[in-house]
């Protein structure tokens, strides 16, 4: 496929919104589009996860100059360009590595609002201590590398 799209499969994101994410790429307005989560109900996005995401987004704005507010689980990019980034992380750091390498490569990165509903089941990242520690470790290593 010429465009690759990513979407968590925990029912928190609506795959019917993927055309909204892909649209700016097809129009040539962006190289990477991130879905900015907009909660549909009060319990959609736990406070600790929102705070962590806000902190990370603030840090990324400072580090890269890209005005993002959410490193969300829905995103899209052209396949050949994505492969050229040579992404290595296969765990929790993958979305962050994608963003950082795309920014370093001078890609046009854009956010598009997407609805965010309560997830089905427990998160393997924010739902467990081990998952949270793993995610923090993966992302911290990428951020340290980005500062070099």
C-alpha atoms as a PDB file:
ATOM      1  CA  UNK A   1       0.000   0.000   0.000  1.00  0.00           C
ATOM      2  CA  UNK A   2       1.314   3.491  -0.759  1.00  0.00           C
ATOM      3  CA  UNK A   3       0.146   4.828   2.625  1.00  0.00           C
ATOM      4  CA  UNK A   4       0.451   3.053   5.958  1.00  0.00           C
ATOM      5  CA  UNK A   5      -1.973   3.884   8.762  1.00  0.00           C
ATOM      6  CA  UNK A   6      -1.754   2.884  12.417  1.00  0.00           C
ATOM      7  CA  UNK A   7      -4.645   2.583  14.861  1.00  0.00           C
ATOM      8  CA  UNK A   8      -4.833   0.929  18.277  1.00  0.00           C
ATOM      9  CA  UNK A   9      -7.124  -2.094  18.244  1.00  0.00           C
ATOM     10  CA  UNK A  10      -8.609  -1.603  21.715  1.00  0.00           C
ATOM     11  CA  UNK A  11     -11.827   0.120  20.524  1.00  0.00           C
ATOM     12  CA  UNK A  12     -10.610   3.507  21.794  1.00  0.00           C
ATOM     13  CA  UNK A  13     -10.097   4.796  18.245  1.00  0.00           C
ATOM     14  CA  UNK A  14     -12.636   4.609  15.431  1.00  0.00           C
ATOM     15  CA  UNK A  15     -11.073   3.206  12.240  1.00  0.00           C
ATOM     16  CA  UNK A  16     -13.790   5.058  10.303  1.00  0.00           C
ATOM     17  CA  UNK A  17     -11.756   8.216  11.075  1.00  0.00           C
ATOM     18  CA  UNK A  18      -8.665   6.946   9.235  1.00  0.00           C
ATOM     19  CA  UNK A  19      -9.633   8.846   6.046  1.00  0.00           C
ATOM     20  CA  UNK A  20      -9.345  12.057   8.086  1.00  0.00           C
ATOM     21  CA  UNK A  21      -5.777  11.045   9.009  1.00  0.00           C
ATOM     22  CA  UNK A  22      -4.835   9.973   5.477  1.00  0.00           C
ATOM     23  CA  UNK A  23      -6.448  12.974   3.755  1.00  0.00           C
ATOM     24  CA  UNK A  24      -3.663  15.524   4.359  1.00  0.00           C
ATOM     25  CA  UNK A  25      -1.103  13.018   3.058  1.00  0.00           C
ATOM     26  CA  UNK A  26      -3.084  12.381  -0.120  1.00  0.00           C
ATOM     27  CA  UNK A  27      -3.498  16.140  -0.590  1.00  0.00           C
ATOM     28  CA  UNK A  28       0.260  16.666  -0.211  1.00  0.00           C
ATOM     29  CA  UNK A  29      -0.256  18.840   2.877  1.00  0.00           C
ATOM     30  CA  UNK A  30       1.667  16.590   5.297  1.00  0.00           C
ATOM     31  CA  UNK A  31       4.169  13.742   5.392  1.00  0.00           C
ATOM     32  CA  UNK A  32       3.100  12.398   8.785  1.00  0.00           C
ATOM     33  CA  UNK A  33      -0.319  12.907  10.327  1.00  0.00           C
ATOM     34  CA  UNK A  34      -0.989  12.216  13.999  1.00  0.00           C
ATOM     35  CA  UNK A  35      -4.450  11.772  15.449  1.00  0.00           C
ATOM     36  CA  UNK A  36      -4.917  14.183  18.354  1.00  0.00           C
ATOM     37  CA  UNK A  37      -7.139  12.369  20.845  1.00  0.00           C
ATOM     38  CA  UNK A  38     -10.320  14.145  21.882  1.00  0.00           C
ATOM     39  CA  UNK A  39     -12.111  12.202  24.636  1.00  0.00           C
ATOM     40  CA  UNK A  40     -15.726  11.279  23.920  1.00  0.00           C
ATOM     41  CA  UNK A  41     -16.587  10.688  27.585  1.00  0.00           C
ATOM     42  CA  UNK A  42     -15.149  11.658  30.948  1.00  0.00           C
ATOM     43  CA  UNK A  43     -13.525   8.255  31.531  1.00  0.00           C
ATOM     44  CA  UNK A  44     -12.016   7.882  28.068  1.00  0.00           C
ATOM     45  CA  UNK A  45      -8.498   8.967  28.925  1.00  0.00           C
ATOM     46  CA  UNK A  46      -7.190   8.411  32.471  1.00  0.00           C
ATOM     47  CA  UNK A  47      -5.656  11.444  34.178  1.00  0.00           C
ATOM     48  CA  UNK A  48      -2.207   9.864  34.607  1.00  0.00           C
ATOM     49  CA  UNK A  49      -2.058   9.045  30.886  1.00  0.00           C
ATOM     50  CA  UNK A  50      -3.172  12.574  29.903  1.00  0.00           C
ATOM     51  CA  UNK A  51      -0.555  14.131  32.179  1.00  0.00           C
ATOM     52  CA  UNK A  52       2.211  11.904  30.817  1.00  0.00           C
ATOM     53  CA  UNK A  53       1.160  12.702  27.250  1.00  0.00           C
ATOM     54  CA  UNK A  54       1.057  16.449  27.964  1.00  0.00           C
ATOM     55  CA  UNK A  55       4.531  16.325  29.467  1.00  0.00           C
ATOM     56  CA  UNK A  56       5.912  14.346  26.530  1.00  0.00           C
ATOM     57  CA  UNK A  57       4.241  16.643  23.975  1.00  0.00           C
ATOM     58  CA  UNK A  58       5.650  19.730  25.712  1.00  0.00           C
ATOM     59  CA  UNK A  59       9.110  18.195  25.655  1.00  0.00           C
ATOM     60  CA  UNK A  60       8.773  17.280  21.971  1.00  0.00           C
ATOM     61  CA  UNK A  61       7.651  20.807  21.073  1.00  0.00           C
ATOM     62  CA  UNK A  62      10.750  22.173  22.836  1.00  0.00           C
ATOM     63  CA  UNK A  63      13.109  19.601  21.314  1.00  0.00           C
ATOM     64  CA  UNK A  64      11.844  19.570  17.716  1.00  0.00           C
ATOM     65  CA  UNK A  65       9.902  22.800  17.251  1.00  0.00           C
ATOM     66  CA  UNK A  66       6.971  20.782  15.883  1.00  0.00           C
ATOM     67  CA  UNK A  67       3.718  22.030  17.394  1.00  0.00           C
ATOM     68  CA  UNK A  68       2.122  18.788  18.563  1.00  0.00           C
ATOM     69  CA  UNK A  69      -0.136  18.132  21.524  1.00  0.00           C
ATOM     70  CA  UNK A  70      -0.531  14.354  21.357  1.00  0.00           C
ATOM     71  CA  UNK A  71       1.681  11.484  20.300  1.00  0.00           C
ATOM     72  CA  UNK A  72      -1.491   9.495  19.776  1.00  0.00           C
ATOM     73  CA  UNK A  73      -2.054   5.915  18.635  1.00  0.00           C
ATOM     74  CA  UNK A  74      -3.551   6.842  15.248  1.00  0.00           C
ATOM     75  CA  UNK A  75      -1.129   8.038  12.568  1.00  0.00           C
ATOM     76  CA  UNK A  76      -0.330   7.695   8.863  1.00  0.00           C
ATOM     77  CA  UNK A  77       2.545   8.258   6.442  1.00  0.00           C
ATOM     78  CA  UNK A  78       3.602   7.247   2.942  1.00  0.00           C
ATOM     79  CA  UNK A  79       5.069   3.744   3.031  1.00  0.00           C
ATOM     80  CA  UNK A  80       8.342   4.371   1.112  1.00  0.00           C
ATOM     81  CA  UNK A  81       9.123   7.448   3.229  1.00  0.00           C
ATOM     82  CA  UNK A  82       8.280   5.582   6.424  1.00  0.00           C
ATOM     83  CA  UNK A  83      10.585   2.723   5.479  1.00  0.00           C
ATOM     84  CA  UNK A  84      13.376   5.228   4.766  1.00  0.00           C
ATOM     85  CA  UNK A  85      13.284   6.262   8.438  1.00  0.00           C
ATOM     86  CA  UNK A  86      14.724   2.823   9.328  1.00  0.00           C
ATOM     87  CA  UNK A  87      12.749   2.584  12.573  1.00  0.00           C
ATOM     88  CA  UNK A  88      14.256   0.092  15.026  1.00  0.00           C
ATOM     89  CA  UNK A  89      12.090   0.143  18.162  1.00  0.00           C
ATOM     90  CA  UNK A  90       9.604  -2.732  18.295  1.00  0.00           C
ATOM     91  CA  UNK A  91       7.981  -1.851  21.598  1.00  0.00           C
ATOM     92  CA  UNK A  92       6.591   1.236  23.285  1.00  0.00           C
ATOM     93  CA  UNK A  93       9.060   3.653  21.704  1.00  0.00           C
ATOM     94  CA  UNK A  94       7.964   3.028  18.107  1.00  0.00           C
ATOM     95  CA  UNK A  95       5.555   6.006  17.819  1.00  0.00           C
ATOM     96  CA  UNK A  96       8.093   8.320  19.435  1.00  0.00           C
ATOM     97  CA  UNK A  97      10.921   7.078  17.231  1.00  0.00           C
ATOM     98  CA  UNK A  98       8.715   7.614  14.165  1.00  0.00           C
ATOM     99  CA  UNK A  99       7.966  11.181  15.221  1.00  0.00           C
ATOM    100  CA  UNK A 100      11.575  12.041  16.108  1.00  0.00           C
ATOM    101  CA  UNK A 101      13.058  10.611  12.919  1.00  0.00           C
ATOM    102  CA  UNK A 102      10.368  12.230  10.773  1.00  0.00           C
ATOM    103  CA  UNK A 103      11.105  15.561  12.445  1.00  0.00           C
ATOM    104  CA  UNK A 104      14.866  15.107  11.934  1.00  0.00           C
ATOM    105  CA  UNK A 105      14.203  14.313   8.265  1.00  0.00           C
ATOM    106  CA  UNK A 106      12.327  17.609   7.865  1.00  0.00           C
ATOM    107  CA  UNK A 107       8.922  16.046   7.317  1.00  0.00           C
ATOM    108  CA  UNK A 108       5.797  18.137   7.493  1.00  0.00           C
ATOM    109  CA  UNK A 109       3.992  16.810  10.587  1.00  0.00           C
ATOM    110  CA  UNK A 110       0.367  17.662  11.282  1.00  0.00           C
ATOM    111  CA  UNK A 111      -2.254  16.793  13.895  1.00  0.00           C
ATOM    112  CA  UNK A 112      -5.886  16.045  13.153  1.00  0.00           C
ATOM    113  CA  UNK A 113      -8.541  15.711  15.861  1.00  0.00           C
ATOM    114  CA  UNK A 114      -9.865  12.178  16.400  1.00  0.00           C
ATOM    115  CA  UNK A 115     -12.420  10.870  18.852  1.00  0.00           C
ATOM    116  CA  UNK A 116     -11.126   8.850  21.781  1.00  0.00           C
ATOM    117  CA  UNK A 117     -13.427   6.431  23.604  1.00  0.00           C
ATOM    118  CA  UNK A 118     -12.914   4.225  26.642  1.00  0.00           C
ATOM    119  CA  UNK A 119     -10.736   1.269  25.744  1.00  0.00           C
ATOM    120  CA  UNK A 120     -11.915  -2.326  25.876  1.00  0.00           C
ATOM    121  CA  UNK A 121      -9.763  -4.398  28.207  1.00  0.00           C
ATOM    122  CA  UNK A 122      -6.677  -3.413  30.171  1.00  0.00           C
ATOM    123  CA  UNK A 123      -3.751  -1.561  28.607  1.00  0.00           C
ATOM    124  CA  UNK A 124      -0.508  -3.515  28.417  1.00  0.00           C
ATOM    125  CA  UNK A 125       1.309  -0.191  28.870  1.00  0.00           C
ATOM    126  CA  UNK A 126      -0.596   2.082  31.252  1.00  0.00           C
ATOM    127  CA  UNK A 127      -2.570  -0.789  32.805  1.00  0.00           C
ATOM    128  CA  UNK A 128       0.430  -2.482  34.385  1.00  0.00           C
ATOM    129  CA  UNK A 129       3.468  -1.323  36.320  1.00  0.00           C
ATOM    130  CA  UNK A 130       5.775  -3.406  34.111  1.00  0.00           C
ATOM    131  CA  UNK A 131       4.259  -1.940  30.945  1.00  0.00           C
ATOM    132  CA  UNK A 132       4.563   1.607  32.241  1.00  0.00           C
ATOM    133  CA  UNK A 133       8.193   1.080  33.306  1.00  0.00           C
ATOM    134  CA  UNK A 134       9.008  -0.475  29.910  1.00  0.00           C
ATOM    135  CA  UNK A 135       7.372   2.427  28.034  1.00  0.00           C
ATOM    136  CA  UNK A 136       9.206   5.014  30.139  1.00  0.00           C
ATOM    137  CA  UNK A 137      12.505   3.211  29.544  1.00  0.00           C
ATOM    138  CA  UNK A 138      11.984   2.900  25.782  1.00  0.00           C
ATOM    139  CA  UNK A 139      10.937   6.517  25.379  1.00  0.00           C
ATOM    140  CA  UNK A 140      13.624   7.883  27.713  1.00  0.00           C
ATOM    141  CA  UNK A 141      16.332   6.159  25.665  1.00  0.00           C
ATOM    142  CA  UNK A 142      14.964   7.700  22.459  1.00  0.00           C
ATOM    143  CA  UNK A 143      14.756  11.160  24.022  1.00  0.00           C
ATOM    144  CA  UNK A 144      18.349  10.906  25.315  1.00  0.00           C
ATOM    145  CA  UNK A 145      19.476   9.942  21.822  1.00  0.00           C
ATOM    146  CA  UNK A 146      17.526  12.863  20.311  1.00  0.00           C
ATOM    147  CA  UNK A 147      19.417  15.344  22.528  1.00  0.00           C
ATOM    148  CA  UNK A 148      22.811  14.236  21.165  1.00  0.00           C
END
